[in-house]
Amino acid sequence: MSQIKINHVVLNKFSREIDGWGHRFKDESLTNLTLNSKNFRCEEFTDKHEGEHLLFSGCSTTFGVGLEEDEVWSKKIYSHIKQDKKVSGYFNLAMPGIGCLEIVANIFKYIDKFGKPDAIFISLPDIQRNYIEINNKTKNILDTSINLENSLTRHGRYTEGFDEKSLDVLKINTFHYLLFLELYCKSNNIKLYMFSWDYSFPNMDLKTFWVFPKDDFINYFKEHAEDLIQDRYAITSRDNEHVGTAYHYFWGQRLYDMYTKECKNVN
């Protein structure tokens, strides 16, 4: 794995510079990022798995921008499960700026190359993110998704000027991508857990998708306030933009509870 110094130059690798969007780190305590050879913030991918094969994905929130790796919800779930059983490694496909359609497509690319996981955990971003780009010179439509085979990475961009009909089409496409993933997982005995940090995310008629109510988080924060209040980054992460560790504790605990409950029901 490589150690990459976090600064505004390096972070342009993980942002959409063309859109004038980037992360602003306010704290020097987060100095290094550990990436695998394909530029993902996790262990090296492998097609040989001993123990539970877990896969995580999402956008910058699950990548952990502004957070140490152990503070991210996905690593928390992995660490909990690792205490209970043998696991094959921590594999996280999350990348900043990535959209829902691209998340699903990259999961299938990963499965094709590295095998079917026993469980998949996904944090979905807001729905207004493009999966394609249009070349302004040639007008060709380009698939800009991550190419796991060639170790190339890219990052989604927010769609600007979406009219209502275009947004409706994107909602339908998003639903079908998620439905296809859900049906695939059901057919292949893969546990699937999907949620969104975006409270405005459209209601999806899916059995494996949740938007946790705000009241649930508020109650969780009140219950653990004595511990969380001591964390400087409980509400907002070090980049002063993304949500902080309290949210990741909450998401991690909720999904881990769902996972363990399902495992008990199966056994």
C-alpha atoms as a PDB file:
ATOM      1  CA  MET A   1       0.000   0.000   0.000  1.00  0.00           C
ATOM      2  CA  SER A   2       1.082   3.577  -0.562  1.00  0.00           C
ATOM      3  CA  GLN A   3       1.014   6.467   1.855  1.00  0.00           C
ATOM      4  CA  ILE A   4      -0.283   9.670   0.294  1.00  0.00           C
ATOM      5  CA  LYS A   5       0.095  13.039   1.998  1.00  0.00           C
ATOM      6  CA  ILE A   6      -3.227  14.846   2.283  1.00  0.00           C
ATOM      7  CA  ASN A   7      -3.095  18.336   0.834  1.00  0.00           C
ATOM      8  CA  HIS A   8      -5.092  20.298  -1.691  1.00  0.00           C
ATOM      9  CA  VAL A   9      -3.007  19.027  -4.615  1.00  0.00           C
ATOM     10  CA  VAL A  10      -3.411  15.341  -3.777  1.00  0.00           C
ATOM     11  CA  LEU A  11      -7.065  15.780  -2.930  1.00  0.00           C
ATOM     12  CA  ASN A  12      -7.710  16.914  -6.484  1.00  0.00           C
ATOM     13  CA  LYS A  13      -7.293  13.226  -7.344  1.00  0.00           C
ATOM     14  CA  PHE A  14     -10.424  12.599  -5.320  1.00  0.00           C
ATOM     15  CA  SER A  15     -12.505  15.598  -6.326  1.00  0.00           C
ATOM     16  CA  ARG A  16     -14.046  17.210  -9.377  1.00  0.00           C
ATOM     17  CA  GLU A  17     -11.669  20.061 -10.046  1.00  0.00           C
ATOM     18  CA  ILE A  18     -13.526  20.907 -13.236  1.00  0.00           C
ATOM     19  CA  ASP A  19     -16.604  21.755 -11.164  1.00  0.00           C
ATOM     20  CA  GLY A  20     -14.651  23.891  -8.722  1.00  0.00           C
ATOM     21  CA  TRP A  21     -15.397  21.513  -5.884  1.00  0.00           C
ATOM     22  CA  GLY A  22     -12.873  20.178  -3.409  1.00  0.00           C
ATOM     23  CA  HIS A  23     -12.271  19.308   0.215  1.00  0.00           C
ATOM     24  CA  ARG A  24     -10.842  21.785   2.688  1.00  0.00           C
ATOM     25  CA  PHE A  25      -8.925  20.169   5.508  1.00  0.00           C
ATOM     26  CA  LYS A  26      -8.795  22.292   8.641  1.00  0.00           C
ATOM     27  CA  ASP A  27      -6.847  19.941  10.870  1.00  0.00           C
ATOM     28  CA  GLU A  28      -3.273  18.750  10.471  1.00  0.00           C
ATOM     29  CA  SER A  29      -3.844  15.659  12.631  1.00  0.00           C
ATOM     30  CA  LEU A  30      -5.054  13.698   9.589  1.00  0.00           C
ATOM     31  CA  THR A  31      -1.838  13.514   7.602  1.00  0.00           C
ATOM     32  CA  ASN A  32      -1.732  10.257   5.687  1.00  0.00           C
ATOM     33  CA  LEU A  33      -4.055   8.244   3.520  1.00  0.00           C
ATOM     34  CA  THR A  34      -3.435   4.532   3.007  1.00  0.00           C
ATOM     35  CA  LEU A  35      -4.533   3.396  -0.461  1.00  0.00           C
ATOM     36  CA  ASN A  36      -4.186   0.060  -2.197  1.00  0.00           C
ATOM     37  CA  SER A  37      -2.594  -0.350  -5.632  1.00  0.00           C
ATOM     38  CA  LYS A  38      -5.889   0.521  -7.333  1.00  0.00           C
ATOM     39  CA  ASN A  39      -6.279   3.747  -5.333  1.00  0.00           C
ATOM     40  CA  PHE A  40      -8.995   2.494  -2.995  1.00  0.00           C
ATOM     41  CA  ARG A  41      -8.830   3.174   0.726  1.00  0.00           C
ATOM     42  CA  CYS A  42      -8.678  -0.447   1.857  1.00  0.00           C
ATOM     43  CA  GLU A  43      -6.602  -3.606   1.692  1.00  0.00           C
ATOM     44  CA  GLU A  44      -5.388  -5.058  -1.595  1.00  0.00           C
ATOM     45  CA  PHE A  45      -8.150  -6.829  -3.503  1.00  0.00           C
ATOM     46  CA  THR A  46      -7.826 -10.582  -3.913  1.00  0.00           C
ATOM     47  CA  ASP A  47      -9.741 -13.398  -5.574  1.00  0.00           C
ATOM     48  CA  LYS A  48      -8.800 -15.830  -2.788  1.00  0.00           C
ATOM     49  CA  HIS A  49     -11.000 -15.446   0.287  1.00  0.00           C
ATOM     50  CA  GLU A  50     -10.714 -17.327   3.556  1.00  0.00           C
ATOM     51  CA  GLY A  51     -13.521 -16.512   5.954  1.00  0.00           C
ATOM     52  CA  GLU A  52     -16.366 -14.027   5.537  1.00  0.00           C
ATOM     53  CA  HIS A  53     -15.991 -11.963   2.357  1.00  0.00           C
ATOM     54  CA  LEU A  54     -17.304  -8.450   3.064  1.00  0.00           C
ATOM     55  CA  LEU A  55     -17.612  -5.592   0.556  1.00  0.00           C
ATOM     56  CA  PHE A  56     -18.378  -1.934   1.253  1.00  0.00           C
ATOM     57  CA  SER A  57     -19.136   0.933  -1.107  1.00  0.00           C
ATOM     58  CA  GLY A  58     -20.392   4.501  -1.233  1.00  0.00           C
ATOM     59  CA  CYS A  59     -19.182   8.014  -1.980  1.00  0.00           C
ATOM     60  CA  SER A  60     -16.895  10.403  -0.060  1.00  0.00           C
ATOM     61  CA  THR A  61     -18.745   9.662   3.179  1.00  0.00           C
ATOM     62  CA  THR A  62     -17.787   5.973   3.011  1.00  0.00           C
ATOM     63  CA  PHE A  63     -14.354   6.822   1.624  1.00  0.00           C
ATOM     64  CA  GLY A  64     -13.973   8.768   4.848  1.00  0.00           C
ATOM     65  CA  VAL A  65     -12.992  12.246   3.707  1.00  0.00           C
ATOM     66  CA  GLY A  66     -12.033  14.197   6.805  1.00  0.00           C
ATOM     67  CA  LEU A  67     -11.881  11.075   8.955  1.00  0.00           C
ATOM     68  CA  GLU A  68      -9.334   8.489   9.976  1.00  0.00           C
ATOM     69  CA  GLU A  69     -10.091   5.079   8.500  1.00  0.00           C
ATOM     70  CA  ASP A  70     -11.132   3.603  11.861  1.00  0.00           C
ATOM     71  CA  GLU A  71     -13.698   6.411  12.262  1.00  0.00           C
ATOM     72  CA  VAL A  72     -15.630   5.454   9.106  1.00  0.00           C
ATOM     73  CA  TRP A  73     -18.862   3.435   9.476  1.00  0.00           C
ATOM     74  CA  SER A  74     -17.699   0.703   7.096  1.00  0.00           C
ATOM     75  CA  LYS A  75     -14.477   0.033   9.023  1.00  0.00           C
ATOM     76  CA  LYS A  76     -16.449  -0.020  12.276  1.00  0.00           C
ATOM     77  CA  ILE A  77     -18.767  -2.746  10.949  1.00  0.00           C
ATOM     78  CA  TYR A  78     -15.806  -4.686   9.597  1.00  0.00           C
ATOM     79  CA  SER A  79     -14.004  -4.487  12.949  1.00  0.00           C
ATOM     80  CA  HIS A  80     -17.117  -5.689  14.814  1.00  0.00           C
ATOM     81  CA  ILE A  81     -17.606  -8.650  12.476  1.00  0.00           C
ATOM     82  CA  LYS A  82     -13.894  -9.464  12.637  1.00  0.00           C
ATOM     83  CA  GLN A  83     -14.255  -9.944  16.389  1.00  0.00           C
ATOM     84  CA  ASP A  84     -17.027 -12.494  15.814  1.00  0.00           C
ATOM     85  CA  LYS A  85     -15.651 -14.528  12.914  1.00  0.00           C
ATOM     86  CA  LYS A  86     -12.822 -14.892  10.449  1.00  0.00           C
ATOM     87  CA  VAL A  87     -12.927 -12.376   7.588  1.00  0.00           C
ATOM     88  CA  SER A  88     -10.963 -12.273   4.338  1.00  0.00           C
ATOM     89  CA  GLY A  89     -10.087  -8.569   4.457  1.00  0.00           C
ATOM     90  CA  TYR A  90     -11.385  -5.006   4.419  1.00  0.00           C
ATOM     91  CA  PHE A  91     -12.506  -4.145   0.872  1.00  0.00           C
ATOM     92  CA  ASN A  92     -14.049  -0.736   0.223  1.00  0.00           C
ATOM     93  CA  LEU A  93     -15.004   0.532  -3.262  1.00  0.00           C
ATOM     94  CA  ALA A  94     -16.083   3.987  -2.033  1.00  0.00           C
ATOM     95  CA  MET A  95     -14.760   7.028  -3.867  1.00  0.00           C
ATOM     96  CA  PRO A  96     -15.574  10.740  -3.449  1.00  0.00           C
ATOM     97  CA  GLY A  97     -18.163  12.099  -5.850  1.00  0.00           C
ATOM     98  CA  ILE A  98     -19.340   8.712  -7.068  1.00  0.00           C
ATOM     99  CA  GLY A  99     -23.056   8.286  -7.864  1.00  0.00           C
ATOM    100  CA  CYS A 100     -25.605   5.540  -7.205  1.00  0.00           C
ATOM    101  CA  LEU A 101     -25.507   4.004 -10.690  1.00  0.00           C
ATOM    102  CA  GLU A 102     -21.740   3.919 -10.710  1.00  0.00           C
ATOM    103  CA  ILE A 103     -21.642   2.342  -7.256  1.00  0.00           C
ATOM    104  CA  VAL A 104     -23.763  -0.572  -8.451  1.00  0.00           C
ATOM    105  CA  ALA A 105     -21.834  -0.977 -11.722  1.00  0.00           C
ATOM    106  CA  ASN A 106     -18.504  -1.061  -9.896  1.00  0.00           C
ATOM    107  CA  ILE A 107     -19.772  -3.707  -7.469  1.00  0.00           C
ATOM    108  CA  PHE A 108     -20.507  -6.002 -10.411  1.00  0.00           C
ATOM    109  CA  LYS A 109     -17.078  -5.252 -11.890  1.00  0.00           C
ATOM    110  CA  TYR A 110     -15.520  -6.154  -8.552  1.00  0.00           C
ATOM    111  CA  ILE A 111     -17.520  -9.397  -8.327  1.00  0.00           C
ATOM    112  CA  ASP A 112     -16.459 -10.410 -11.822  1.00  0.00           C
ATOM    113  CA  LYS A 113     -12.783  -9.987 -10.940  1.00  0.00           C
ATOM    114  CA  PHE A 114     -12.585 -10.814  -7.225  1.00  0.00           C
ATOM    115  CA  GLY A 115     -15.546 -13.072  -6.499  1.00  0.00           C
ATOM    116  CA  LYS A 116     -18.954 -12.859  -4.834  1.00  0.00           C
ATOM    117  CA  PRO A 117     -19.005 -11.395  -1.311  1.00  0.00           C
ATOM    118  CA  ASP A 118     -20.959 -12.952   1.536  1.00  0.00           C
ATOM    119  CA  ALA A 119     -22.314  -9.509   2.458  1.00  0.00           C
ATOM    120  CA  ILE A 120     -22.411  -6.073   0.791  1.00  0.00           C
ATOM    121  CA  PHE A 121     -22.895  -2.796   2.690  1.00  0.00           C
ATOM    122  CA  ILE A 122     -23.626   0.416   0.744  1.00  0.00           C
ATOM    123  CA  SER A 123     -24.143   4.052   1.707  1.00  0.00           C
ATOM    124  CA  LEU A 124     -25.926   5.777  -1.179  1.00  0.00           C
ATOM    125  CA  PRO A 125     -25.343   9.494  -1.900  1.00  0.00           C
ATOM    126  CA  ASP A 126     -27.828  12.067  -3.183  1.00  0.00           C
ATOM    127  CA  ILE A 127     -29.380  10.990  -6.442  1.00  0.00           C
ATOM    128  CA  GLN A 128     -28.312  13.917  -8.699  1.00  0.00           C
ATOM    129  CA  ARG A 129     -24.967  12.516  -9.855  1.00  0.00           C
ATOM    130  CA  ASN A 130     -24.076  11.655 -13.436  1.00  0.00           C
ATOM    131  CA  TYR A 131     -22.745   8.277 -14.510  1.00  0.00           C
ATOM    132  CA  ILE A 132     -21.743   9.469 -17.985  1.00  0.00           C
ATOM    133  CA  GLU A 133     -20.032  12.450 -19.554  1.00  0.00           C
ATOM    134  CA  ILE A 134     -20.577  13.975 -22.978  1.00  0.00           C
ATOM    135  CA  ASN A 135     -17.474  14.972 -24.897  1.00  0.00           C
ATOM    136  CA  ASN A 136     -18.098  18.601 -25.867  1.00  0.00           C
ATOM    137  CA  LYS A 137     -16.032  18.301 -29.046  1.00  0.00           C
ATOM    138  CA  THR A 138     -17.259  14.984 -30.443  1.00  0.00           C
ATOM    139  CA  LYS A 139     -20.620  14.883 -28.602  1.00  0.00           C
ATOM    140  CA  ASN A 140     -19.880  11.247 -27.840  1.00  0.00           C
ATOM    141  CA  ILE A 141     -21.333   9.778 -24.650  1.00  0.00           C
ATOM    142  CA  LEU A 142     -18.569   8.366 -22.464  1.00  0.00           C
ATOM    143  CA  ASP A 143     -18.752   5.718 -19.751  1.00  0.00           C
ATOM    144  CA  THR A 144     -16.593   7.301 -17.062  1.00  0.00           C
ATOM    145  CA  SER A 145     -16.862   4.588 -14.460  1.00  0.00           C
ATOM    146  CA  ILE A 146     -13.996   3.051 -12.532  1.00  0.00           C
ATOM    147  CA  ASN A 147     -12.079   0.444 -14.484  1.00  0.00           C
ATOM    148  CA  LEU A 148     -10.970  -2.091 -11.890  1.00  0.00           C
ATOM    149  CA  GLU A 149      -9.023  -4.063 -14.480  1.00  0.00           C
ATOM    150  CA  ASN A 150      -6.740  -1.189 -15.439  1.00  0.00           C
ATOM    151  CA  SER A 151      -6.597   0.440 -12.012  1.00  0.00           C
ATOM    152  CA  LEU A 152      -8.096   3.670 -13.307  1.00  0.00           C
ATOM    153  CA  THR A 153     -10.265   5.756 -11.022  1.00  0.00           C
ATOM    154  CA  ARG A 154     -12.605   8.646 -11.652  1.00  0.00           C
ATOM    155  CA  HIS A 155     -15.171  10.517  -9.698  1.00  0.00           C
ATOM    156  CA  GLY A 156     -18.748  11.458 -10.424  1.00  0.00           C
ATOM    157  CA  ARG A 157     -19.964  14.967 -10.825  1.00  0.00           C
ATOM    158  CA  TYR A 158     -23.134  16.675  -9.764  1.00  0.00           C
ATOM    159  CA  THR A 159     -25.625  17.126 -12.558  1.00  0.00           C
ATOM    160  CA  GLU A 160     -26.508  20.764 -13.051  1.00  0.00           C
ATOM    161  CA  GLY A 161     -29.662  22.122 -14.612  1.00  0.00           C
ATOM    162  CA  PHE A 162     -31.662  18.933 -14.249  1.00  0.00           C
ATOM    163  CA  ASP A 163     -35.261  19.430 -15.320  1.00  0.00           C
ATOM    164  CA  GLU A 164     -38.025  17.526 -13.557  1.00  0.00           C
ATOM    165  CA  LYS A 165     -38.449  14.910 -16.290  1.00  0.00           C
ATOM    166  CA  SER A 166     -34.714  14.163 -16.409  1.00  0.00           C
ATOM    167  CA  LEU A 167     -34.664  13.759 -12.652  1.00  0.00           C
ATOM    168  CA  ASP A 168     -37.626  11.375 -12.833  1.00  0.00           C
ATOM    169  CA  VAL A 169     -35.738   9.270 -15.380  1.00  0.00           C
ATOM    170  CA  LEU A 170     -32.699   9.188 -13.102  1.00  0.00           C
ATOM    171  CA  LYS A 171     -34.878   8.095 -10.181  1.00  0.00           C
ATOM    172  CA  ILE A 172     -36.309   5.245 -12.261  1.00  0.00           C
ATOM    173  CA  ASN A 173     -32.852   4.182 -13.446  1.00  0.00           C
ATOM    174  CA  THR A 174     -31.513   4.311  -9.905  1.00  0.00           C
ATOM    175  CA  PHE A 175     -34.382   2.174  -8.645  1.00  0.00           C
ATOM    176  CA  HIS A 176     -33.785  -0.443 -11.335  1.00  0.00           C
ATOM    177  CA  TYR A 177     -30.022  -0.572 -10.739  1.00  0.00           C
ATOM    178  CA  LEU A 178     -30.642  -1.116  -7.031  1.00  0.00           C
ATOM    179  CA  LEU A 179     -33.398  -3.633  -7.743  1.00  0.00           C
ATOM    180  CA  PHE A 180     -31.135  -5.621 -10.074  1.00  0.00           C
ATOM    181  CA  LEU A 181     -28.451  -5.681  -7.379  1.00  0.00           C
ATOM    182  CA  GLU A 182     -30.992  -6.759  -4.767  1.00  0.00           C
ATOM    183  CA  LEU A 183     -32.317  -9.576  -6.970  1.00  0.00           C
ATOM    184  CA  TYR A 184     -28.797 -10.702  -7.830  1.00  0.00           C
ATOM    185  CA  CYS A 185     -27.856 -10.831  -4.155  1.00  0.00           C
ATOM    186  CA  LYS A 186     -31.027 -12.742  -3.301  1.00  0.00           C
ATOM    187  CA  SER A 187     -30.350 -15.304  -6.043  1.00  0.00           C
ATOM    188  CA  ASN A 188     -26.749 -15.749  -4.927  1.00  0.00           C
ATOM    189  CA  ASN A 189     -27.359 -15.837  -1.165  1.00  0.00           C
ATOM    190  CA  ILE A 190     -25.530 -12.537  -0.586  1.00  0.00           C
ATOM    191  CA  LYS A 191     -26.625 -10.399   2.352  1.00  0.00           C
ATOM    192  CA  LEU A 192     -27.279  -6.827   1.147  1.00  0.00           C
ATOM    193  CA  TYR A 193     -27.620  -3.706   3.289  1.00  0.00           C
ATOM    194  CA  MET A 194     -28.201  -0.310   1.660  1.00  0.00           C
ATOM    195  CA  PHE A 195     -28.920   3.060   3.238  1.00  0.00           C
ATOM    196  CA  SER A 196     -28.582   6.719   2.301  1.00  0.00           C
ATOM    197  CA  TRP A 197     -27.194   9.582   4.336  1.00  0.00           C
ATOM    198  CA  ASP A 198     -29.382  11.910   2.232  1.00  0.00           C
ATOM    199  CA  TYR A 199     -32.735  12.393   3.965  1.00  0.00           C
ATOM    200  CA  SER A 200     -34.243  13.641   0.684  1.00  0.00           C
ATOM    201  CA  PHE A 201     -33.387  10.388  -1.095  1.00  0.00           C
ATOM    202  CA  PRO A 202     -36.547   9.180  -2.896  1.00  0.00           C
ATOM    203  CA  ASN A 203     -38.495   6.346  -1.334  1.00  0.00           C
ATOM    204  CA  MET A 204     -37.424   3.059  -2.919  1.00  0.00           C
ATOM    205  CA  ASP A 205     -39.646  -0.001  -2.759  1.00  0.00           C
ATOM    206  CA  LEU A 206     -36.749  -2.294  -1.915  1.00  0.00           C
ATOM    207  CA  LYS A 207     -36.381  -4.857   0.849  1.00  0.00           C
ATOM    208  CA  THR A 208     -32.729  -4.070   1.562  1.00  0.00           C
ATOM    209  CA  PHE A 209     -32.772  -0.254   1.586  1.00  0.00           C
ATOM    210  CA  TRP A 210     -33.275   2.114   4.520  1.00  0.00           C
ATOM    211  CA  VAL A 211     -33.238   5.842   5.174  1.00  0.00           C
ATOM    212  CA  PHE A 212     -32.783   6.107   8.918  1.00  0.00           C
ATOM    213  CA  PRO A 213     -35.135   8.729  10.432  1.00  0.00           C
ATOM    214  CA  LYS A 214     -33.539  11.868  11.837  1.00  0.00           C
ATOM    215  CA  ASP A 215     -35.193  11.204  15.180  1.00  0.00           C
ATOM    216  CA  ASP A 216     -33.333   7.894  15.421  1.00  0.00           C
ATOM    217  CA  PHE A 217     -30.010   9.675  15.122  1.00  0.00           C
ATOM    218  CA  ILE A 218     -31.023  12.406  17.558  1.00  0.00           C
ATOM    219  CA  ASN A 219     -32.043   9.806  20.134  1.00  0.00           C
ATOM    220  CA  TYR A 220     -28.816   7.897  19.520  1.00  0.00           C
ATOM    221  CA  PHE A 221     -26.779  11.068  20.029  1.00  0.00           C
ATOM    222  CA  LYS A 222     -28.624  11.886  23.252  1.00  0.00           C
ATOM    223  CA  GLU A 223     -28.066   8.352  24.532  1.00  0.00           C
ATOM    224  CA  HIS A 224     -24.320   8.516  23.828  1.00  0.00           C
ATOM    225  CA  ALA A 225     -23.867  12.267  24.304  1.00  0.00           C
ATOM    226  CA  GLU A 226     -21.434  11.928  27.193  1.00  0.00           C
ATOM    227  CA  ASP A 227     -18.976  10.000  25.023  1.00  0.00           C
ATOM    228  CA  LEU A 228     -19.626  11.754  21.715  1.00  0.00           C
ATOM    229  CA  ILE A 229     -19.404  15.273  23.103  1.00  0.00           C
ATOM    230  CA  GLN A 230     -15.746  14.654  23.894  1.00  0.00           C
ATOM    231  CA  ASP A 231     -15.057  14.019  20.220  1.00  0.00           C
ATOM    232  CA  ARG A 232     -14.114  17.230  18.440  1.00  0.00           C
ATOM    233  CA  TYR A 233     -15.325  15.790  15.140  1.00  0.00           C
ATOM    234  CA  ALA A 234     -18.561  14.173  16.323  1.00  0.00           C
ATOM    235  CA  ILE A 235     -20.811  16.391  14.177  1.00  0.00           C
ATOM    236  CA  THR A 236     -18.531  17.619  11.368  1.00  0.00           C
ATOM    237  CA  SER A 237     -15.396  15.925  10.058  1.00  0.00           C
ATOM    238  CA  ARG A 238     -11.988  17.543   9.738  1.00  0.00           C
ATOM    239  CA  ASP A 239     -12.765  19.020   6.321  1.00  0.00           C
ATOM    240  CA  ASN A 240     -15.553  21.075   7.918  1.00  0.00           C
ATOM    241  CA  GLU A 241     -17.898  19.746   5.237  1.00  0.00           C
ATOM    242  CA  HIS A 242     -18.773  16.077   5.737  1.00  0.00           C
ATOM    243  CA  VAL A 243     -20.664  14.594   8.670  1.00  0.00           C
ATOM    244  CA  GLY A 244     -18.623  13.587  11.681  1.00  0.00           C
ATOM    245  CA  THR A 245     -17.965  10.484  13.715  1.00  0.00           C
ATOM    246  CA  ALA A 246     -21.302  10.446  15.575  1.00  0.00           C
ATOM    247  CA  TYR A 247     -23.126   9.668  12.335  1.00  0.00           C
ATOM    248  CA  HIS A 248     -20.651   6.907  11.510  1.00  0.00           C
ATOM    249  CA  TYR A 249     -21.071   5.373  14.970  1.00  0.00           C
ATOM    250  CA  PHE A 250     -24.837   5.447  14.445  1.00  0.00           C
ATOM    251  CA  TRP A 251     -24.805   3.948  10.939  1.00  0.00           C
ATOM    252  CA  GLY A 252     -22.218   1.367  11.896  1.00  0.00           C
ATOM    253  CA  GLN A 253     -24.188   0.204  14.911  1.00  0.00           C
ATOM    254  CA  ARG A 254     -27.507   0.055  13.061  1.00  0.00           C
ATOM    255  CA  LEU A 255     -26.159  -1.983  10.152  1.00  0.00           C
ATOM    256  CA  TYR A 256     -24.131  -4.255  12.399  1.00  0.00           C
ATOM    257  CA  ASP A 257     -27.279  -4.966  14.430  1.00  0.00           C
ATOM    258  CA  MET A 258     -29.141  -5.819  11.199  1.00  0.00           C
ATOM    259  CA  TYR A 259     -26.297  -8.068  10.075  1.00  0.00           C
ATOM    260  CA  THR A 260     -26.047  -9.999  13.334  1.00  0.00           C
ATOM    261  CA  LYS A 261     -29.828 -10.375  13.565  1.00  0.00           C
ATOM    262  CA  GLU A 262     -29.974 -11.828  10.051  1.00  0.00           C
ATOM    263  CA  CYS A 263     -27.077 -14.171  10.772  1.00  0.00           C
ATOM    264  CA  LYS A 264     -28.868 -15.472  13.870  1.00  0.00           C
ATOM    265  CA  ASN A 265     -32.075 -15.992  11.896  1.00  0.00           C
ATOM    266  CA  VAL A 266     -30.190 -17.959   9.236  1.00  0.00           C
ATOM    267  CA  ASN A 267     -28.490 -20.116  11.828  1.00  0.00           C
END
